[in-house]
Each structure stands twice: as structure tokens, then as C-alpha cells.
Amino acid sequence: MPTIMVEGPPIKEIERKRQLVKKLTDVAVEIYGIKHITVLIRENAPENVGVEGQLIIDRHKQSSNR
């Protein structure tokens, strides 16, 4: 059974999560030709992710101060 794992920022609206799961599943079913697809959404808060040596939350603060 294929599993699709998505890691990214939190999605606040449940309907948007439904859309993401539906679209990813539809494409995987089309490609694999099977219907048993699992989608896992792992949400990472910006204070828990670093890019280029900086936390994303700090990068957002810097860009909003410009």
C-alpha cells in the first residue's frame, strides 16, 4: 500500500486538508492503478524548522520588518 507523506506548515482549515488528501490520492491512484493510498500530513510549526541556519519564524519576522 503506497503511503504519501507531506511535511509542511500547519494547514488551519480542515477543508484544505481534505482537498490536499483528495488530490494527492487521485493522482497516486491514476499512476499506481490501485485504490489503497494512505496520505499522512505532518505539520511543522515555523519555530521547529530551520532553513539556512535560521528558524523560519525568525526569517518571517525579519522579512516583515523590511
PDB file of N, CA and C in Angstrom:
ATOM      1  N   MET A   1       0.842  -1.166   0.000  1.00  0.00           N
ATOM      2  CA  MET A   1       0.000   0.000   0.000  1.00  0.00           C
ATOM      3  C   MET A   1       0.897   1.242   0.000  1.00  0.00           C
ATOM      4  N   PRO A   2       0.841   2.064  -1.046  1.00  0.00           N
ATOM      5  CA  PRO A   2       1.642   3.271  -1.101  1.00  0.00           C
ATOM      6  C   PRO A   2       1.219   4.273  -0.030  1.00  0.00           C
ATOM      7  N   THR A   3       2.210   4.942   0.529  1.00  0.00           N
ATOM      8  CA  THR A   3       1.976   5.993   1.518  1.00  0.00           C
ATOM      9  C   THR A   3       2.624   7.276   1.028  1.00  0.00           C
ATOM     10  N   ILE A   4       1.851   8.338   1.043  1.00  0.00           N
ATOM     11  CA  ILE A   4       2.356   9.665   0.677  1.00  0.00           C
ATOM     12  C   ILE A   4       2.485  10.457   1.962  1.00  0.00           C
ATOM     13  N   MET A   5       3.681  10.975   2.222  1.00  0.00           N
ATOM     14  CA  MET A   5       3.910  11.792   3.418  1.00  0.00           C
ATOM     15  C   MET A   5       4.188  13.220   2.979  1.00  0.00           C
ATOM     16  N   VAL A   6       3.445  14.142   3.569  1.00  0.00           N
ATOM     17  CA  VAL A   6       3.596  15.555   3.265  1.00  0.00           C
ATOM     18  C   VAL A   6       4.034  16.258   4.546  1.00  0.00           C
ATOM     19  N   GLU A   7       5.142  16.978   4.480  1.00  0.00           N
ATOM     20  CA  GLU A   7       5.594  17.770   5.618  1.00  0.00           C
ATOM     21  C   GLU A   7       5.567  19.227   5.212  1.00  0.00           C
ATOM     22  N   GLY A   8       5.006  20.054   6.074  1.00  0.00           N
ATOM     23  CA  GLY A   8       4.936  21.466   5.761  1.00  0.00           C
ATOM     24  C   GLY A   8       4.352  22.258   6.906  1.00  0.00           C
ATOM     25  N   PRO A   9       4.066  23.511   6.642  1.00  0.00           N
ATOM     26  CA  PRO A   9       3.482  24.344   7.691  1.00  0.00           C
ATOM     27  C   PRO A   9       2.062  23.884   8.010  1.00  0.00           C
ATOM     28  N   PRO A  10       1.576  24.231   9.193  1.00  0.00           N
ATOM     29  CA  PRO A  10       0.215  23.844   9.555  1.00  0.00           C
ATOM     30  C   PRO A  10      -0.821  24.406   8.582  1.00  0.00           C
ATOM     31  N   ILE A  11      -1.819  23.572   8.295  1.00  0.00           N
ATOM     32  CA  ILE A  11      -2.964  23.986   7.484  1.00  0.00           C
ATOM     33  C   ILE A  11      -4.123  24.145   8.461  1.00  0.00           C
ATOM     34  N   LYS A  12      -4.620  25.358   8.601  1.00  0.00           N
ATOM     35  CA  LYS A  12      -5.635  25.623   9.624  1.00  0.00           C
ATOM     36  C   LYS A  12      -7.019  25.131   9.247  1.00  0.00           C
ATOM     37  N   GLU A  13      -7.377  25.217   7.984  1.00  0.00           N
ATOM     38  CA  GLU A  13      -8.732  24.842   7.581  1.00  0.00           C
ATOM     39  C   GLU A  13      -8.792  23.357   7.220  1.00  0.00           C
ATOM     40  N   ILE A  14      -9.687  22.634   7.861  1.00  0.00           N
ATOM     41  CA  ILE A  14      -9.833  21.200   7.610  1.00  0.00           C
ATOM     42  C   ILE A  14     -10.216  20.937   6.154  1.00  0.00           C
ATOM     43  N   GLU A  15     -10.984  21.826   5.539  1.00  0.00           N
ATOM     44  CA  GLU A  15     -11.390  21.636   4.146  1.00  0.00           C
ATOM     45  C   GLU A  15     -10.175  21.647   3.223  1.00  0.00           C
ATOM     46  N   ARG A  16      -9.195  22.460   3.511  1.00  0.00           N
ATOM     47  CA  ARG A  16      -7.965  22.494   2.693  1.00  0.00           C
ATOM     48  C   ARG A  16      -7.197  21.184   2.838  1.00  0.00           C
ATOM     49  N   LYS A  17      -7.206  20.610   4.030  1.00  0.00           N
ATOM     50  CA  LYS A  17      -6.571  19.296   4.225  1.00  0.00           C
ATOM     51  C   LYS A  17      -7.300  18.228   3.417  1.00  0.00           C
ATOM     52  N   ARG A  18      -8.622  18.294   3.421  1.00  0.00           N
ATOM     53  CA  ARG A  18      -9.407  17.350   2.629  1.00  0.00           C
ATOM     54  C   ARG A  18      -9.049  17.457   1.151  1.00  0.00           C
ATOM     55  N   GLN A  19      -8.926  18.688   0.672  1.00  0.00           N
ATOM     56  CA  GLN A  19      -8.571  18.901  -0.736  1.00  0.00           C
ATOM     57  C   GLN A  19      -7.192  18.339  -1.045  1.00  0.00           C
ATOM     58  N   LEU A  20      -6.234  18.578  -0.154  1.00  0.00           N
ATOM     59  CA  LEU A  20      -4.877  18.076  -0.359  1.00  0.00           C
ATOM     60  C   LEU A  20      -4.880  16.546  -0.427  1.00  0.00           C
ATOM     61  N   VAL A  21      -5.532  15.910   0.534  1.00  0.00           N
ATOM     62  CA  VAL A  21      -5.588  14.439   0.567  1.00  0.00           C
ATOM     63  C   VAL A  21      -6.279  13.896  -0.672  1.00  0.00           C
ATOM     64  N   LYS A  22      -7.381  14.508  -1.067  1.00  0.00           N
ATOM     65  CA  LYS A  22      -8.130  14.043  -2.242  1.00  0.00           C
ATOM     66  C   LYS A  22      -7.290  14.136  -3.510  1.00  0.00           C
ATOM     67  N   LYS A  23      -6.655  15.278  -3.729  1.00  0.00           N
ATOM     68  CA  LYS A  23      -5.883  15.467  -4.962  1.00  0.00           C
ATOM     69  C   LYS A  23      -4.660  14.564  -5.012  1.00  0.00           C
ATOM     70  N   LEU A  24      -3.948  14.442  -3.889  1.00  0.00           N
ATOM     71  CA  LEU A  24      -2.791  13.544  -3.874  1.00  0.00           C
ATOM     72  C   LEU A  24      -3.219  12.099  -4.110  1.00  0.00           C
ATOM     73  N   THR A  25      -4.314  11.694  -3.487  1.00  0.00           N
ATOM     74  CA  THR A  25      -4.826  10.336  -3.664  1.00  0.00           C
ATOM     75  C   THR A  25      -5.231  10.095  -5.107  1.00  0.00           C
ATOM     76  N   ASP A  26      -5.944  11.052  -5.703  1.00  0.00           N
ATOM     77  CA  ASP A  26      -6.395  10.882  -7.091  1.00  0.00           C
ATOM     78  C   ASP A  26      -5.225  10.664  -8.041  1.00  0.00           C
ATOM     79  N   VAL A  27      -4.170  11.447  -7.878  1.00  0.00           N
ATOM     80  CA  VAL A  27      -3.003  11.302  -8.758  1.00  0.00           C
ATOM     81  C   VAL A  27      -2.309   9.962  -8.515  1.00  0.00           C
ATOM     82  N   ALA A  28      -2.157   9.580  -7.251  1.00  0.00           N
ATOM     83  CA  ALA A  28      -1.490   8.314  -6.942  1.00  0.00           C
ATOM     84  C   ALA A  28      -2.289   7.125  -7.475  1.00  0.00           C
ATOM     85  N   VAL A  29      -3.606   7.176  -7.347  1.00  0.00           N
ATOM     86  CA  VAL A  29      -4.451   6.095  -7.878  1.00  0.00           C
ATOM     87  C   VAL A  29      -4.276   6.006  -9.392  1.00  0.00           C
ATOM     88  N   GLU A  30      -4.245   7.142 -10.054  1.00  0.00           N
ATOM     89  CA  GLU A  30      -4.064   7.169 -11.511  1.00  0.00           C
ATOM     90  C   GLU A  30      -2.713   6.561 -11.909  1.00  0.00           C
ATOM     91  N   ILE A  31      -1.671   6.905 -11.203  1.00  0.00           N
ATOM     92  CA  ILE A  31      -0.327   6.432 -11.547  1.00  0.00           C
ATOM     93  C   ILE A  31      -0.111   4.967 -11.156  1.00  0.00           C
ATOM     94  N   TYR A  32      -0.465   4.620  -9.925  1.00  0.00           N
ATOM     95  CA  TYR A  32      -0.242   3.252  -9.441  1.00  0.00           C
ATOM     96  C   TYR A  32      -1.272   2.261  -9.969  1.00  0.00           C
ATOM     97  N   GLY A  33      -2.464   2.747 -10.244  1.00  0.00           N
ATOM     98  CA  GLY A  33      -3.515   1.850 -10.693  1.00  0.00           C
ATOM     99  C   GLY A  33      -4.142   1.037  -9.569  1.00  0.00           C
ATOM    100  N   ILE A  34      -3.939   1.469  -8.338  1.00  0.00           N
ATOM    101  CA  ILE A  34      -4.575   0.819  -7.188  1.00  0.00           C
ATOM    102  C   ILE A  34      -5.261   1.896  -6.343  1.00  0.00           C
ATOM    103  N   LYS A  35      -6.215   1.458  -5.521  1.00  0.00           N
ATOM    104  CA  LYS A  35      -7.020   2.413  -4.774  1.00  0.00           C
ATOM    105  C   LYS A  35      -6.595   2.603  -3.322  1.00  0.00           C
ATOM    106  N   HIS A  36      -5.737   1.752  -2.822  1.00  0.00           N
ATOM    107  CA  HIS A  36      -5.377   1.808  -1.401  1.00  0.00           C
ATOM    108  C   HIS A  36      -4.165   2.717  -1.194  1.00  0.00           C
ATOM    109  N   ILE A  37      -4.429   3.998  -1.070  1.00  0.00           N
ATOM    110  CA  ILE A  37      -3.380   5.006  -0.881  1.00  0.00           C
ATOM    111  C   ILE A  37      -3.573   5.636   0.495  1.00  0.00           C
ATOM    112  N   THR A  38      -2.493   5.760   1.235  1.00  0.00           N
ATOM    113  CA  THR A  38      -2.525   6.430   2.530  1.00  0.00           C
ATOM    114  C   THR A  38      -1.789   7.752   2.401  1.00  0.00           C
ATOM    115  N   VAL A  39      -2.375   8.816   2.949  1.00  0.00           N
ATOM    116  CA  VAL A  39      -1.729  10.131   2.963  1.00  0.00           C
ATOM    117  C   VAL A  39      -1.547  10.555   4.411  1.00  0.00           C
ATOM    118  N   LEU A  40      -0.331  10.891   4.769  1.00  0.00           N
ATOM    119  CA  LEU A  40      -0.010  11.379   6.112  1.00  0.00           C
ATOM    120  C   LEU A  40       0.418  12.835   6.004  1.00  0.00           C
ATOM    121  N   ILE A  41      -0.202  13.692   6.788  1.00  0.00           N
ATOM    122  CA  ILE A  41       0.171  15.110   6.818  1.00  0.00           C
ATOM    123  C   ILE A  41       0.884  15.364   8.137  1.00  0.00           C
ATOM    124  N   ARG A  42       2.118  15.784   8.045  1.00  0.00           N
ATOM    125  CA  ARG A  42       2.898  16.136   9.232  1.00  0.00           C
ATOM    126  C   ARG A  42       3.095  17.640   9.214  1.00  0.00           C
ATOM    127  N   GLU A  43       2.509  18.300  10.183  1.00  0.00           N
ATOM    128  CA  GLU A  43       2.566  19.755  10.231  1.00  0.00           C
ATOM    129  C   GLU A  43       3.696  20.208  11.159  1.00  0.00           C
ATOM    130  N   ASN A  44       4.505  21.089  10.645  1.00  0.00           N
ATOM    131  CA  ASN A  44       5.656  21.586  11.383  1.00  0.00           C
ATOM    132  C   ASN A  44       5.512  23.078  11.637  1.00  0.00           C
ATOM    133  N   ALA A  45       5.459  23.446  12.904  1.00  0.00           N
ATOM    134  CA  ALA A  45       5.365  24.858  13.259  1.00  0.00           C
ATOM    135  C   ALA A  45       6.658  25.570  12.853  1.00  0.00           C
ATOM    136  N   PRO A  46       6.566  26.853  12.465  1.00  0.00           N
ATOM    137  CA  PRO A  46       7.751  27.568  11.997  1.00  0.00           C
ATOM    138  C   PRO A  46       8.863  27.674  13.040  1.00  0.00           C
ATOM    139  N   GLU A  47       8.529  27.532  14.313  1.00  0.00           N
ATOM    140  CA  GLU A  47       9.585  27.567  15.337  1.00  0.00           C
ATOM    141  C   GLU A  47      10.321  26.240  15.449  1.00  0.00           C
ATOM    142  N   ASN A  48       9.876  25.231  14.691  1.00  0.00           N
ATOM    143  CA  ASN A  48      10.512  23.916  14.717  1.00  0.00           C
ATOM    144  C   ASN A  48      11.246  23.571  13.432  1.00  0.00           C
ATOM    145  N   VAL A  49      11.380  24.533  12.511  1.00  0.00           N
ATOM    146  CA  VAL A  49      12.022  24.268  11.225  1.00  0.00           C
ATOM    147  C   VAL A  49      13.061  25.348  10.964  1.00  0.00           C
ATOM    148  N   GLY A  50      14.250  24.918  10.571  1.00  0.00           N
ATOM    149  CA  GLY A  50      15.309  25.862  10.228  1.00  0.00           C
ATOM    150  C   GLY A  50      15.702  25.744   8.768  1.00  0.00           C
ATOM    151  N   VAL A  51      15.988  26.885   8.157  1.00  0.00           N
ATOM    152  CA  VAL A  51      16.452  26.949   6.777  1.00  0.00           C
ATOM    153  C   VAL A  51      17.656  27.880   6.748  1.00  0.00           C
ATOM    154  N   GLU A  52      18.733  27.421   6.136  1.00  0.00           N
ATOM    155  CA  GLU A  52      19.949  28.216   6.015  1.00  0.00           C
ATOM    156  C   GLU A  52      20.424  28.759   7.367  1.00  0.00           C
ATOM    157  N   GLY A  53      20.311  27.922   8.398  1.00  0.00           N
ATOM    158  CA  GLY A  53      20.829  28.282   9.716  1.00  0.00           C
ATOM    159  C   GLY A  53      19.919  29.159  10.547  1.00  0.00           C
ATOM    160  N   GLN A  54      18.699  29.397  10.091  1.00  0.00           N
ATOM    161  CA  GLN A  54      17.763  30.230  10.836  1.00  0.00           C
ATOM    162  C   GLN A  54      16.420  29.537  10.957  1.00  0.00           C
ATOM    163  N   LEU A  55      15.767  29.761  12.101  1.00  0.00           N
ATOM    164  CA  LEU A  55      14.404  29.268  12.239  1.00  0.00           C
ATOM    165  C   LEU A  55      13.501  30.036  11.292  1.00  0.00           C
ATOM    166  N   ILE A  56      12.523  29.356  10.726  1.00  0.00           N
ATOM    167  CA  ILE A  56      11.604  30.010   9.800  1.00  0.00           C
ATOM    168  C   ILE A  56      10.856  31.146  10.488  1.00  0.00           C
ATOM    169  N   ILE A  57      10.501  30.970  11.747  1.00  0.00           N
ATOM    170  CA  ILE A  57       9.783  32.025  12.455  1.00  0.00           C
ATOM    171  C   ILE A  57      10.619  33.312  12.501  1.00  0.00           C
ATOM    172  N   ASP A  58      11.931  33.174  12.663  1.00  0.00           N
ATOM    173  CA  ASP A  58      12.811  34.351  12.685  1.00  0.00           C
ATOM    174  C   ASP A  58      12.952  34.964  11.292  1.00  0.00           C
ATOM    175  N   ARG A  59      12.992  34.127  10.266  1.00  0.00           N
ATOM    176  CA  ARG A  59      13.072  34.634   8.898  1.00  0.00           C
ATOM    177  C   ARG A  59      11.821  35.438   8.549  1.00  0.00           C
ATOM    178  N   HIS A  60      10.655  34.956   9.018  1.00  0.00           N
ATOM    179  CA  HIS A  60       9.399  35.681   8.755  1.00  0.00           C
ATOM    180  C   HIS A  60       9.400  37.030   9.456  1.00  0.00           C
ATOM    181  N   LYS A  61       9.917  37.057  10.699  1.00  0.00           N
ATOM    182  CA  LYS A  61       9.985  38.316  11.441  1.00  0.00           C
ATOM    183  C   LYS A  61      10.884  39.311  10.717  1.00  0.00           C
ATOM    184  N   GLN A  62      12.016  38.830  10.209  1.00  0.00           N
ATOM    185  CA  GLN A  62      12.956  39.713   9.508  1.00  0.00           C
ATOM    186  C   GLN A  62      12.342  40.280   8.231  1.00  0.00           C
ATOM    187  N   SER A  63      11.642  39.441   7.469  1.00  0.00           N
ATOM    188  CA  SER A  63      11.073  39.911   6.214  1.00  0.00           C
ATOM    189  C   SER A  63       9.908  40.874   6.448  1.00  0.00           C
ATOM    190  N   SER A  64       9.191  40.726   7.564  1.00  0.00           N
ATOM    191  CA  SER A  64       8.091  41.655   7.841  1.00  0.00           C
ATOM    192  C   SER A  64       8.587  42.994   8.387  1.00  0.00           C
ATOM    193  N   ASN A  65       9.841  43.026   8.861  1.00  0.00           N
ATOM    194  CA  ASN A  65      10.414  44.280   9.374  1.00  0.00           C
ATOM    195  C   ASN A  65      11.041  45.117   8.265  1.00  0.00           C
ATOM    196  N   ARG A  66      11.080  44.601   7.063  1.00  0.00           N
ATOM    197  CA  ARG A  66      11.722  45.342   5.969  1.00  0.00           C
ATOM    198  C   ARG A  66      10.800  46.364   5.380  1.00  0.00           C
TER     199      ARG A  66
END
